[in-house]
PDB file of N, CA and C in Angstrom:
ATOM      1  N   UNK A   1     -93.370  36.616 -31.221  1.00  0.00           N
ATOM      2  CA  UNK A   1     -94.341  35.297 -30.301  1.00  0.00           C
ATOM      3  C   UNK A   1     -93.567  34.503 -29.909  1.00  0.00           C
ATOM      4  N   UNK A   2     -93.706  34.594 -28.376  1.00  0.00           N
ATOM      5  CA  UNK A   2     -93.471  33.856 -27.238  1.00  0.00           C
ATOM      6  C   UNK A   2     -94.073  32.310 -27.411  1.00  0.00           C
ATOM      7  N   UNK A   3     -93.763  31.403 -26.852  1.00  0.00           N
ATOM      8  CA  UNK A   3     -94.078  30.083 -27.174  1.00  0.00           C
ATOM      9  C   UNK A   3     -95.650  29.814 -26.365  1.00  0.00           C
ATOM     10  N   UNK A   4     -96.180  30.741 -25.870  1.00  0.00           N
ATOM     11  CA  UNK A   4     -97.540  30.932 -25.184  1.00  0.00           C
ATOM     12  C   UNK A   4     -98.675  31.270 -26.044  1.00  0.00           C
ATOM     13  N   UNK A   5     -98.296  32.150 -26.557  1.00  0.00           N
ATOM     14  CA  UNK A   5     -98.594  32.926 -27.705  1.00  0.00           C
ATOM     15  C   UNK A   5     -98.860  31.790 -28.949  1.00  0.00           C
ATOM     16  N   UNK A   6     -97.863  31.264 -29.252  1.00  0.00           N
ATOM     17  CA  UNK A   6     -97.762  30.149 -30.522  1.00  0.00           C
ATOM     18  C   UNK A   6     -98.412  29.018 -29.583  1.00  0.00           C
ATOM     19  N   UNK A   7     -98.549  28.552 -28.762  1.00  0.00           N
ATOM     20  CA  UNK A   7     -99.737  27.802 -28.519  1.00  0.00           C
ATOM     21  C   UNK A   7    -100.851  28.235 -28.437  1.00  0.00           C
ATOM     22  N   UNK A   8    -101.364  29.589 -28.288  1.00  0.00           N
ATOM     23  CA  UNK A   8    -102.764  29.972 -28.168  1.00  0.00           C
ATOM     24  C   UNK A   8    -103.091  29.885 -29.832  1.00  0.00           C
ATOM     25  N   UNK A   9    -102.236  30.650 -30.487  1.00  0.00           N
ATOM     26  CA  UNK A   9    -102.400  30.487 -31.790  1.00  0.00           C
ATOM     27  C   UNK A   9    -103.004  28.886 -32.660  1.00  0.00           C
ATOM     28  N   UNK A  10    -101.946  27.986 -32.201  1.00  0.00           N
ATOM     29  CA  UNK A  10    -101.635  27.111 -32.620  1.00  0.00           C
ATOM     30  C   UNK A  10    -103.358  26.076 -32.346  1.00  0.00           C
ATOM     31  N   UNK A  11    -103.268  26.321 -31.645  1.00  0.00           N
ATOM     32  CA  UNK A  11    -104.908  25.624 -30.889  1.00  0.00           C
ATOM     33  C   UNK A  11    -105.820  26.457 -31.158  1.00  0.00           C
ATOM     34  N   UNK A  12    -105.980  27.484 -31.511  1.00  0.00           N
ATOM     35  CA  UNK A  12    -107.032  28.024 -32.196  1.00  0.00           C
ATOM     36  C   UNK A  12    -106.927  27.864 -33.882  1.00  0.00           C
ATOM     37  N   UNK A  13    -106.170  27.558 -34.109  1.00  0.00           N
ATOM     38  CA  UNK A  13    -106.125  27.391 -36.134  1.00  0.00           C
ATOM     39  C   UNK A  13    -106.751  25.752 -36.184  1.00  0.00           C
ATOM     40  N   UNK A  14    -106.793  24.982 -34.875  1.00  0.00           N
ATOM     41  CA  UNK A  14    -106.897  23.704 -34.824  1.00  0.00           C
ATOM     42  C   UNK A  14    -108.405  23.805 -34.451  1.00  0.00           C
ATOM     43  N   UNK A  15    -108.491  24.643 -34.266  1.00  0.00           N
ATOM     44  CA  UNK A  15    -109.997  24.885 -33.476  1.00  0.00           C
ATOM     45  C   UNK A  15    -110.680  24.111 -32.331  1.00  0.00           C
ATOM     46  N   UNK A  16    -109.607  23.615 -31.153  1.00  0.00           N
ATOM     47  CA  UNK A  16    -109.262  22.992 -30.371  1.00  0.00           C
ATOM     48  C   UNK A  16    -109.866  23.842 -28.988  1.00  0.00           C
ATOM     49  N   UNK A  17    -110.540  23.516 -27.879  1.00  0.00           N
ATOM     50  CA  UNK A  17    -110.791  24.240 -26.937  1.00  0.00           C
ATOM     51  C   UNK A  17    -109.557  23.700 -26.550  1.00  0.00           C
ATOM     52  N   UNK A  18    -109.815  24.009 -25.076  1.00  0.00           N
ATOM     53  CA  UNK A  18    -108.260  24.092 -23.935  1.00  0.00           C
ATOM     54  C   UNK A  18    -108.464  22.306 -23.715  1.00  0.00           C
ATOM     55  N   UNK A  19    -110.101  22.281 -23.571  1.00  0.00           N
ATOM     56  CA  UNK A  19    -109.708  20.724 -22.788  1.00  0.00           C
ATOM     57  C   UNK A  19    -109.651  19.959 -23.893  1.00  0.00           C
ATOM     58  N   UNK A  20    -109.889  20.212 -24.898  1.00  0.00           N
ATOM     59  CA  UNK A  20    -109.788  19.190 -25.596  1.00  0.00           C
ATOM     60  C   UNK A  20    -108.019  18.797 -25.879  1.00  0.00           C
ATOM     61  N   UNK A  21    -107.076  20.176 -25.988  1.00  0.00           N
ATOM     62  CA  UNK A  21    -106.081  19.852 -26.298  1.00  0.00           C
ATOM     63  C   UNK A  21    -105.349  19.603 -24.551  1.00  0.00           C
ATOM     64  N   UNK A  22    -106.010  19.403 -23.557  1.00  0.00           N
ATOM     65  CA  UNK A  22    -105.345  18.812 -22.676  1.00  0.00           C
ATOM     66  C   UNK A  22    -105.595  17.066 -22.235  1.00  0.00           C
ATOM     67  N   UNK A  23    -106.725  17.101 -22.550  1.00  0.00           N
ATOM     68  CA  UNK A  23    -107.470  15.415 -23.250  1.00  0.00           C
ATOM     69  C   UNK A  23    -106.354  14.294 -23.854  1.00  0.00           C
ATOM     70  N   UNK A  24    -105.933  15.132 -25.140  1.00  0.00           N
ATOM     71  CA  UNK A  24    -104.715  14.677 -26.103  1.00  0.00           C
ATOM     72  C   UNK A  24    -103.643  14.354 -25.569  1.00  0.00           C
ATOM     73  N   UNK A  25    -103.370  16.033 -24.454  1.00  0.00           N
ATOM     74  CA  UNK A  25    -102.052  15.353 -24.328  1.00  0.00           C
ATOM     75  C   UNK A  25    -101.701  15.166 -22.674  1.00  0.00           C
ATOM     76  N   UNK A  26    -103.363  14.140 -22.183  1.00  0.00           N
ATOM     77  CA  UNK A  26    -103.002  14.076 -20.584  1.00  0.00           C
ATOM     78  C   UNK A  26    -102.540  14.942 -19.488  1.00  0.00           C
ATOM     79  N   UNK A  27    -102.981  16.303 -19.931  1.00  0.00           N
ATOM     80  CA  UNK A  27    -102.746  17.368 -18.587  1.00  0.00           C
ATOM     81  C   UNK A  27    -103.834  17.819 -18.707  1.00  0.00           C
ATOM     82  N   UNK A  28    -103.925  18.831 -17.513  1.00  0.00           N
ATOM     83  CA  UNK A  28    -105.323  19.372 -17.699  1.00  0.00           C
ATOM     84  C   UNK A  28    -105.933  20.884 -17.835  1.00  0.00           C
ATOM     85  N   UNK A  29    -106.644  21.083 -17.950  1.00  0.00           N
ATOM     86  CA  UNK A  29    -107.176  22.154 -18.700  1.00  0.00           C
ATOM     87  C   UNK A  29    -106.035  23.619 -18.288  1.00  0.00           C
ATOM     88  N   UNK A  30    -106.089  23.148 -16.941  1.00  0.00           N
ATOM     89  CA  UNK A  30    -105.656  24.701 -16.355  1.00  0.00           C
ATOM     90  C   UNK A  30    -104.047  25.033 -16.607  1.00  0.00           C
ATOM     91  N   UNK A  31    -103.364  23.255 -16.822  1.00  0.00           N
ATOM     92  CA  UNK A  31    -101.957  23.057 -17.594  1.00  0.00           C
ATOM     93  C   UNK A  31    -101.853  23.806 -18.731  1.00  0.00           C
ATOM     94  N   UNK A  32    -102.950  23.610 -19.331  1.00  0.00           N
ATOM     95  CA  UNK A  32    -102.584  24.392 -20.713  1.00  0.00           C
ATOM     96  C   UNK A  32    -102.830  25.877 -21.139  1.00  0.00           C
ATOM     97  N   UNK A  33    -103.987  26.307 -20.291  1.00  0.00           N
ATOM     98  CA  UNK A  33    -103.995  27.666 -19.711  1.00  0.00           C
ATOM     99  C   UNK A  33    -103.172  28.327 -19.410  1.00  0.00           C
ATOM    100  N   UNK A  34    -101.853  27.599 -18.338  1.00  0.00           N
ATOM    101  CA  UNK A  34    -100.720  28.529 -18.199  1.00  0.00           C
ATOM    102  C   UNK A  34     -99.457  28.894 -18.885  1.00  0.00           C
ATOM    103  N   UNK A  35     -99.319  27.435 -19.894  1.00  0.00           N
ATOM    104  CA  UNK A  35     -99.158  27.501 -20.612  1.00  0.00           C
ATOM    105  C   UNK A  35     -98.911  28.345 -21.831  1.00  0.00           C
ATOM    106  N   UNK A  36    -100.576  28.688 -22.365  1.00  0.00           N
ATOM    107  CA  UNK A  36    -100.965  29.764 -23.103  1.00  0.00           C
ATOM    108  C   UNK A  36    -100.996  31.215 -22.307  1.00  0.00           C
ATOM    109  N   UNK A  37    -100.292  31.270 -21.141  1.00  0.00           N
ATOM    110  CA  UNK A  37    -100.585  32.465 -20.675  1.00  0.00           C
ATOM    111  C   UNK A  37     -98.672  32.339 -19.847  1.00  0.00           C
ATOM    112  N   UNK A  38     -98.051  31.914 -20.143  1.00  0.00           N
ATOM    113  CA  UNK A  38     -96.440  32.363 -20.171  1.00  0.00           C
ATOM    114  C   UNK A  38     -96.311  31.693 -18.238  1.00  0.00           C
ATOM    115  N   UNK A  39     -97.696  31.666 -17.445  1.00  0.00           N
ATOM    116  CA  UNK A  39     -97.492  30.837 -16.053  1.00  0.00           C
ATOM    117  C   UNK A  39     -95.905  29.585 -16.193  1.00  0.00           C
ATOM    118  N   UNK A  40     -96.063  28.992 -17.326  1.00  0.00           N
ATOM    119  CA  UNK A  40     -95.101  27.486 -16.987  1.00  0.00           C
ATOM    120  C   UNK A  40     -95.113  27.306 -18.286  1.00  0.00           C
ATOM    121  N   UNK A  41     -94.384  26.545 -18.671  1.00  0.00           N
ATOM    122  CA  UNK A  41     -93.984  26.010 -19.923  1.00  0.00           C
ATOM    123  C   UNK A  41     -94.125  24.532 -20.175  1.00  0.00           C
ATOM    124  N   UNK A  42     -94.258  24.085 -21.270  1.00  0.00           N
ATOM    125  CA  UNK A  42     -94.546  22.490 -21.208  1.00  0.00           C
ATOM    126  C   UNK A  42     -93.328  21.616 -20.879  1.00  0.00           C
ATOM    127  N   UNK A  43     -93.553  20.599 -20.118  1.00  0.00           N
ATOM    128  CA  UNK A  43     -92.513  19.744 -19.402  1.00  0.00           C
ATOM    129  C   UNK A  43     -91.957  18.933 -21.108  1.00  0.00           C
ATOM    130  N   UNK A  44     -90.812  18.605 -20.862  1.00  0.00           N
ATOM    131  CA  UNK A  44     -89.640  18.090 -21.788  1.00  0.00           C
ATOM    132  C   UNK A  44     -90.468  17.270 -22.583  1.00  0.00           C
ATOM    133  N   UNK A  45     -91.514  15.939 -21.583  1.00  0.00           N
ATOM    134  CA  UNK A  45     -91.621  15.092 -22.419  1.00  0.00           C
ATOM    135  C   UNK A  45     -93.265  15.372 -23.305  1.00  0.00           C
ATOM    136  N   UNK A  46     -93.861  16.162 -23.265  1.00  0.00           N
ATOM    137  CA  UNK A  46     -95.138  16.904 -23.629  1.00  0.00           C
ATOM    138  C   UNK A  46     -94.268  17.977 -25.083  1.00  0.00           C
ATOM    139  N   UNK A  47     -93.168  18.200 -25.374  1.00  0.00           N
ATOM    140  CA  UNK A  47     -92.737  18.798 -26.220  1.00  0.00           C
ATOM    141  C   UNK A  47     -93.442  17.861 -28.106  1.00  0.00           C
ATOM    142  N   UNK A  48     -92.740  17.088 -27.931  1.00  0.00           N
ATOM    143  CA  UNK A  48     -92.958  16.139 -29.422  1.00  0.00           C
ATOM    144  C   UNK A  48     -94.518  15.797 -29.582  1.00  0.00           C
ATOM    145  N   UNK A  49     -95.599  15.364 -28.306  1.00  0.00           N
ATOM    146  CA  UNK A  49     -96.935  15.348 -28.504  1.00  0.00           C
ATOM    147  C   UNK A  49     -97.039  16.738 -29.127  1.00  0.00           C
ATOM    148  N   UNK A  50     -96.981  17.972 -28.338  1.00  0.00           N
ATOM    149  CA  UNK A  50     -96.955  18.786 -28.836  1.00  0.00           C
ATOM    150  C   UNK A  50     -97.270  19.039 -30.370  1.00  0.00           C
ATOM    151  N   UNK A  51     -96.117  18.565 -30.595  1.00  0.00           N
ATOM    152  CA  UNK A  51     -95.564  18.945 -32.073  1.00  0.00           C
ATOM    153  C   UNK A  51     -96.350  18.408 -33.117  1.00  0.00           C
ATOM    154  N   UNK A  52     -96.517  17.137 -32.205  1.00  0.00           N
ATOM    155  CA  UNK A  52     -97.401  16.294 -33.947  1.00  0.00           C
ATOM    156  C   UNK A  52     -98.928  16.265 -33.622  1.00  0.00           C
ATOM    157  N   UNK A  53     -99.589  17.314 -32.511  1.00  0.00           N
ATOM    158  CA  UNK A  53    -100.960  17.264 -32.380  1.00  0.00           C
ATOM    159  C   UNK A  53    -100.992  18.034 -33.102  1.00  0.00           C
ATOM    160  N   UNK A  54    -100.080  19.296 -33.311  1.00  0.00           N
ATOM    161  CA  UNK A  54    -100.369  20.498 -34.078  1.00  0.00           C
ATOM    162  C   UNK A  54     -99.637  20.745 -35.694  1.00  0.00           C
ATOM    163  N   UNK A  55     -99.089  19.564 -35.609  1.00  0.00           N
ATOM    164  CA  UNK A  55     -98.314  19.017 -36.993  1.00  0.00           C
ATOM    165  C   UNK A  55     -97.272  20.150 -37.621  1.00  0.00           C
ATOM    166  N   UNK A  56     -96.864  20.003 -36.575  1.00  0.00           N
ATOM    167  CA  UNK A  56     -95.288  21.023 -37.205  1.00  0.00           C
ATOM    168  C   UNK A  56     -94.167  20.557 -36.206  1.00  0.00           C
ATOM    169  N   UNK A  57     -92.741  20.972 -36.655  1.00  0.00           N
ATOM    170  CA  UNK A  57     -91.710  20.565 -36.020  1.00  0.00           C
ATOM    171  C   UNK A  57     -91.595  21.203 -34.727  1.00  0.00           C
ATOM    172  N   UNK A  58     -90.860  20.461 -34.013  1.00  0.00           N
ATOM    173  CA  UNK A  58     -90.035  20.973 -32.776  1.00  0.00           C
ATOM    174  C   UNK A  58     -89.736  22.377 -32.785  1.00  0.00           C
ATOM    175  N   UNK A  59     -88.790  22.363 -33.948  1.00  0.00           N
ATOM    176  CA  UNK A  59     -88.135  24.167 -33.845  1.00  0.00           C
ATOM    177  C   UNK A  59     -89.190  24.773 -34.125  1.00  0.00           C
ATOM    178  N   UNK A  60     -90.484  24.269 -35.020  1.00  0.00           N
ATOM    179  CA  UNK A  60     -91.105  25.794 -35.411  1.00  0.00           C
ATOM    180  C   UNK A  60     -91.572  25.887 -33.952  1.00  0.00           C
ATOM    181  N   UNK A  61     -92.256  24.797 -33.086  1.00  0.00           N
ATOM    182  CA  UNK A  61     -93.307  24.795 -31.393  1.00  0.00           C
ATOM    183  C   UNK A  61     -92.249  25.507 -30.782  1.00  0.00           C
ATOM    184  N   UNK A  62     -90.970  25.580 -31.151  1.00  0.00           N
ATOM    185  CA  UNK A  62     -89.897  26.368 -29.920  1.00  0.00           C
ATOM    186  C   UNK A  62     -89.670  28.040 -30.402  1.00  0.00           C
ATOM    187  N   UNK A  63     -89.044  27.992 -31.586  1.00  0.00           N
ATOM    188  CA  UNK A  63     -88.494  29.077 -31.917  1.00  0.00           C
ATOM    189  C   UNK A  63     -89.803  29.524 -33.010  1.00  0.00           C
ATOM    190  N   UNK A  64     -90.734  29.365 -33.888  1.00  0.00           N
ATOM    191  CA  UNK A  64     -91.327  29.910 -34.524  1.00  0.00           C
ATOM    192  C   UNK A  64     -90.795  29.837 -36.181  1.00  0.00           C
ATOM    193  N   UNK A  65     -89.932  29.060 -35.963  1.00  0.00           N
ATOM    194  CA  UNK A  65     -89.089  29.360 -37.328  1.00  0.00           C
ATOM    195  C   UNK A  65     -89.509  27.993 -37.703  1.00  0.00           C
ATOM    196  N   UNK A  66     -90.005  27.737 -39.388  1.00  0.00           N
ATOM    197  CA  UNK A  66     -89.839  26.670 -39.921  1.00  0.00           C
ATOM    198  C   UNK A  66     -89.574  25.474 -40.171  1.00  0.00           C
ATOM    199  N   UNK A  67     -89.033  24.346 -40.208  1.00  0.00           N
ATOM    200  CA  UNK A  67     -88.074  23.384 -40.729  1.00  0.00           C
ATOM    201  C   UNK A  67     -87.237  23.700 -41.661  1.00  0.00           C
ATOM    202  N   UNK A  68     -86.120  23.603 -42.131  1.00  0.00           N
ATOM    203  CA  UNK A  68     -85.437  23.769 -43.330  1.00  0.00           C
ATOM    204  C   UNK A  68     -86.427  23.090 -44.162  1.00  0.00           C
ATOM    205  N   UNK A  69     -86.470  22.035 -43.931  1.00  0.00           N
ATOM    206  CA  UNK A  69     -87.454  21.156 -45.057  1.00  0.00           C
ATOM    207  C   UNK A  69     -88.453  21.916 -45.854  1.00  0.00           C
ATOM    208  N   UNK A  70     -88.911  22.837 -44.936  1.00  0.00           N
ATOM    209  CA  UNK A  70     -90.579  23.125 -45.174  1.00  0.00           C
ATOM    210  C   UNK A  70     -89.833  24.407 -46.042  1.00  0.00           C
ATOM    211  N   UNK A  71     -88.950  25.325 -45.362  1.00  0.00           N
ATOM    212  CA  UNK A  71     -88.230  25.837 -46.500  1.00  0.00           C
ATOM    213  C   UNK A  71     -88.332  25.521 -47.542  1.00  0.00           C
ATOM    214  N   UNK A  72     -87.631  24.965 -47.786  1.00  0.00           N
ATOM    215  CA  UNK A  72     -87.105  24.630 -49.749  1.00  0.00           C
ATOM    216  C   UNK A  72     -88.050  23.969 -50.187  1.00  0.00           C
ATOM    217  N   UNK A  73     -88.909  23.056 -49.587  1.00  0.00           N
ATOM    218  CA  UNK A  73     -90.146  22.922 -50.350  1.00  0.00           C
ATOM    219  C   UNK A  73     -91.009  24.339 -50.635  1.00  0.00           C
ATOM    220  N   UNK A  74     -91.513  25.024 -49.812  1.00  0.00           N
ATOM    221  CA  UNK A  74     -91.989  26.530 -50.265  1.00  0.00           C
ATOM    222  C   UNK A  74     -91.415  27.281 -51.435  1.00  0.00           C
ATOM    223  N   UNK A  75     -90.200  27.205 -51.552  1.00  0.00           N
ATOM    224  CA  UNK A  75     -89.041  27.967 -52.427  1.00  0.00           C
ATOM    225  C   UNK A  75     -89.314  26.881 -53.384  1.00  0.00           C
ATOM    226  N   UNK A  76     -89.380  25.936 -53.539  1.00  0.00           N
ATOM    227  CA  UNK A  76     -89.536  24.479 -54.657  1.00  0.00           C
ATOM    228  C   UNK A  76     -90.936  25.334 -54.913  1.00  0.00           C
ATOM    229  N   UNK A  77     -91.711  25.379 -54.876  1.00  0.00           N
ATOM    230  CA  UNK A  77     -93.403  25.507 -55.070  1.00  0.00           C
ATOM    231  C   UNK A  77     -93.243  27.050 -55.827  1.00  0.00           C
ATOM    232  N   UNK A  78     -92.833  27.700 -55.344  1.00  0.00           N
ATOM    233  CA  UNK A  78     -92.979  29.230 -55.610  1.00  0.00           C
ATOM    234  C   UNK A  78     -92.193  29.389 -56.850  1.00  0.00           C
ATOM    235  N   UNK A  79     -91.144  28.723 -57.021  1.00  0.00           N
ATOM    236  CA  UNK A  79     -90.409  28.858 -58.303  1.00  0.00           C
ATOM    237  C   UNK A  79     -91.447  27.797 -59.524  1.00  0.00           C
ATOM    238  N   UNK A  80     -91.629  26.628 -59.125  1.00  0.00           N
ATOM    239  CA  UNK A  80     -92.816  26.050 -60.033  1.00  0.00           C
ATOM    240  C   UNK A  80     -93.730  26.831 -60.229  1.00  0.00           C
ATOM    241  N   UNK A  81     -94.801  27.546 -59.420  1.00  0.00           N
ATOM    242  CA  UNK A  81     -95.697  27.808 -59.529  1.00  0.00           C
ATOM    243  C   UNK A  81     -95.641  29.600 -59.995  1.00  0.00           C
ATOM    244  N   UNK A  82     -94.428  29.984 -60.247  1.00  0.00           N
ATOM    245  CA  UNK A  82     -94.794  31.296 -60.981  1.00  0.00           C
ATOM    246  C   UNK A  82     -95.922  31.582 -62.313  1.00  0.00           C
TER     247      UNK A  82
END
C-alpha cells in the first residue's frame, strides 16, 4: 500500500471527509485529494500533524509498519490473553 492509499484508508477509518481533514491540517481539499491519489505528497511540516490526526506513529504513516512499541504491546497482550 502506498502513502496515498494509506491516507485514504486512515481518513475513511476515522469517518472524515476530505474537507474535514483539510480544515484540521490547514490545507485545501484539493491538496488532500492529491495526496490520496498520489499526485503529490504531504510537505514535511504536515507529517507529524497527519500522524497526530490519525493517532498513529510517523513510521506507520510513512511505511505502513507499526512502531516497535505497538508490536511489543500487541505481543504481550496476545501472550497474556491466550
